[in-house]
Amino acid sequence: MTDRIEQQIERFAPGFSNLILARSVRGPAALERDNPNRVGGDINGGVLDLCQLFTRPTWRAYVTPRRDLFLCAASTPPGGGVHGLCGFFAARAALARAY
């Protein structure tokens, strides 16, 4: 699977394959073994469903009862990924509390 992904990237970014110095491929069982929070190899902190909205440490996303503690992990909305929105929204919450 890794080869196919790299080939697809190479299609749109010629020379990509020449830049790869090393690779590490680990399956779901290895991810869970190294970190029990990654159940089934899930790197996003679990399923994002309606029930999860009501089982969080606090009823509001990003903020906690402590004025200096904010949540911005992959388990906070809008979920895991390479977009940085969890941190963006937590930073906005922190700035809103500062005033």
Protein backbone atom coordinates (compact mmCIF):
# COMPACT_ATOMS: atom_id res chain seq x y z
CA MET A 1 0.00 0.00 0.00
CA THR A 2 2.83 2.41 0.81
CA ASP A 3 4.29 1.98 -2.68
CA ARG A 4 0.94 2.78 -4.29
CA ILE A 5 0.53 5.92 -2.18
CA GLU A 6 4.01 7.10 -3.09
CA GLN A 7 3.38 6.39 -6.78
CA GLN A 8 0.21 8.48 -6.68
CA ILE A 9 2.05 11.40 -5.05
CA GLU A 10 4.82 11.01 -7.62
CA ARG A 11 2.22 11.46 -10.39
CA PHE A 12 1.43 14.97 -9.17
CA ALA A 13 4.80 15.86 -7.65
CA PRO A 14 7.54 14.44 -9.89
CA GLY A 15 10.75 13.78 -7.96
CA PHE A 16 8.92 13.05 -4.69
CA SER A 17 10.26 9.47 -4.51
CA ASN A 18 13.84 10.68 -4.80
CA LEU A 19 13.39 12.74 -1.61
CA ILE A 20 12.45 9.80 0.61
CA LEU A 21 15.39 8.93 2.84
CA ALA A 22 13.73 6.23 4.97
CA ARG A 23 10.33 4.85 5.80
CA SER A 24 8.70 3.21 8.79
CA VAL A 25 5.50 1.26 8.28
CA ARG A 26 3.53 0.06 11.30
CA GLY A 27 0.20 -1.68 11.35
CA PRO A 28 -2.74 -1.10 13.69
CA ALA A 29 -1.68 -3.80 16.18
CA ALA A 30 1.78 -2.22 16.59
CA LEU A 31 0.26 1.24 17.10
CA GLU A 32 -2.10 -0.08 19.79
CA ARG A 33 0.70 -2.07 21.47
CA ASP A 34 2.86 1.06 21.75
CA ASN A 35 -0.02 3.23 23.00
CA PRO A 36 -3.16 1.56 24.42
CA ASN A 37 -5.15 4.74 23.69
CA ARG A 38 -4.89 3.91 19.99
CA VAL A 39 -7.53 1.19 20.09
CA GLY A 40 -7.37 -0.78 16.86
CA GLY A 41 -4.62 1.55 15.62
CA ASP A 42 -6.88 4.62 15.64
CA ILE A 43 -4.59 7.67 15.71
CA ASN A 44 -7.46 10.17 15.99
CA GLY A 45 -8.47 9.48 19.59
CA GLY A 46 -11.58 7.42 18.92
CA VAL A 47 -14.82 7.76 17.07
CA LEU A 48 -16.38 11.19 16.57
CA ASP A 49 -20.09 10.75 17.15
CA LEU A 50 -22.97 12.49 18.88
CA CYS A 51 -22.50 10.47 22.09
CA GLN A 52 -18.92 11.73 22.41
CA LEU A 53 -20.17 15.31 22.64
CA PHE A 54 -21.82 14.44 25.95
CA THR A 55 -19.00 12.37 27.44
CA ARG A 56 -16.21 14.94 27.29
CA PRO A 57 -14.45 16.31 30.37
CA THR A 58 -16.42 19.51 29.91
CA TRP A 59 -19.60 20.44 28.05
CA ARG A 60 -17.83 23.16 26.04
CA ALA A 61 -15.24 22.34 23.42
CA TYR A 62 -11.67 23.63 23.92
CA VAL A 63 -12.18 25.16 27.39
CA THR A 64 -12.05 23.59 30.86
CA PRO A 65 -13.00 24.83 34.32
CA ARG A 66 -9.36 25.88 34.77
CA ARG A 67 -8.82 29.28 33.22
CA ASP A 68 -5.32 28.33 32.03
CA LEU A 69 -6.09 24.89 30.53
CA PHE A 70 -7.47 24.37 27.01
CA LEU A 71 -8.16 21.25 24.96
CA CYS A 72 -6.70 21.03 21.46
CA ALA A 73 -5.91 17.36 20.85
CA ALA A 74 -7.08 15.20 17.97
CA SER A 75 -10.09 14.17 20.06
CA THR A 76 -11.50 17.70 20.10
CA PRO A 77 -13.71 18.90 17.24
CA PRO A 78 -13.37 18.90 14.30
CA GLY A 79 -11.27 15.79 14.89
CA GLY A 80 -7.90 14.51 13.89
CA GLY A 81 -6.11 15.39 10.72
CA VAL A 82 -3.39 17.62 9.39
CA HIS A 83 -5.39 20.81 9.47
CA GLY A 84 -4.54 22.38 12.84
CA LEU A 85 -8.12 23.49 13.47
CA CYS A 86 -8.23 22.02 16.99
CA GLY A 87 -5.34 24.27 18.02
CA PHE A 88 -6.79 27.23 16.11
CA PHE A 89 -10.12 27.02 17.93
CA ALA A 90 -8.41 26.44 21.30
CA ALA A 91 -6.26 29.53 20.70
CA ARG A 92 -9.38 31.56 19.89
CA ALA A 93 -10.98 30.32 23.12
CA ALA A 94 -7.84 31.31 25.06
CA LEU A 95 -7.83 34.79 23.52
CA ALA A 96 -11.52 35.21 24.29
CA ARG A 97 -10.87 34.33 27.94
CA ALA A 98 -7.99 36.76 28.20
CA TYR A 99 -10.36 39.72 27.89
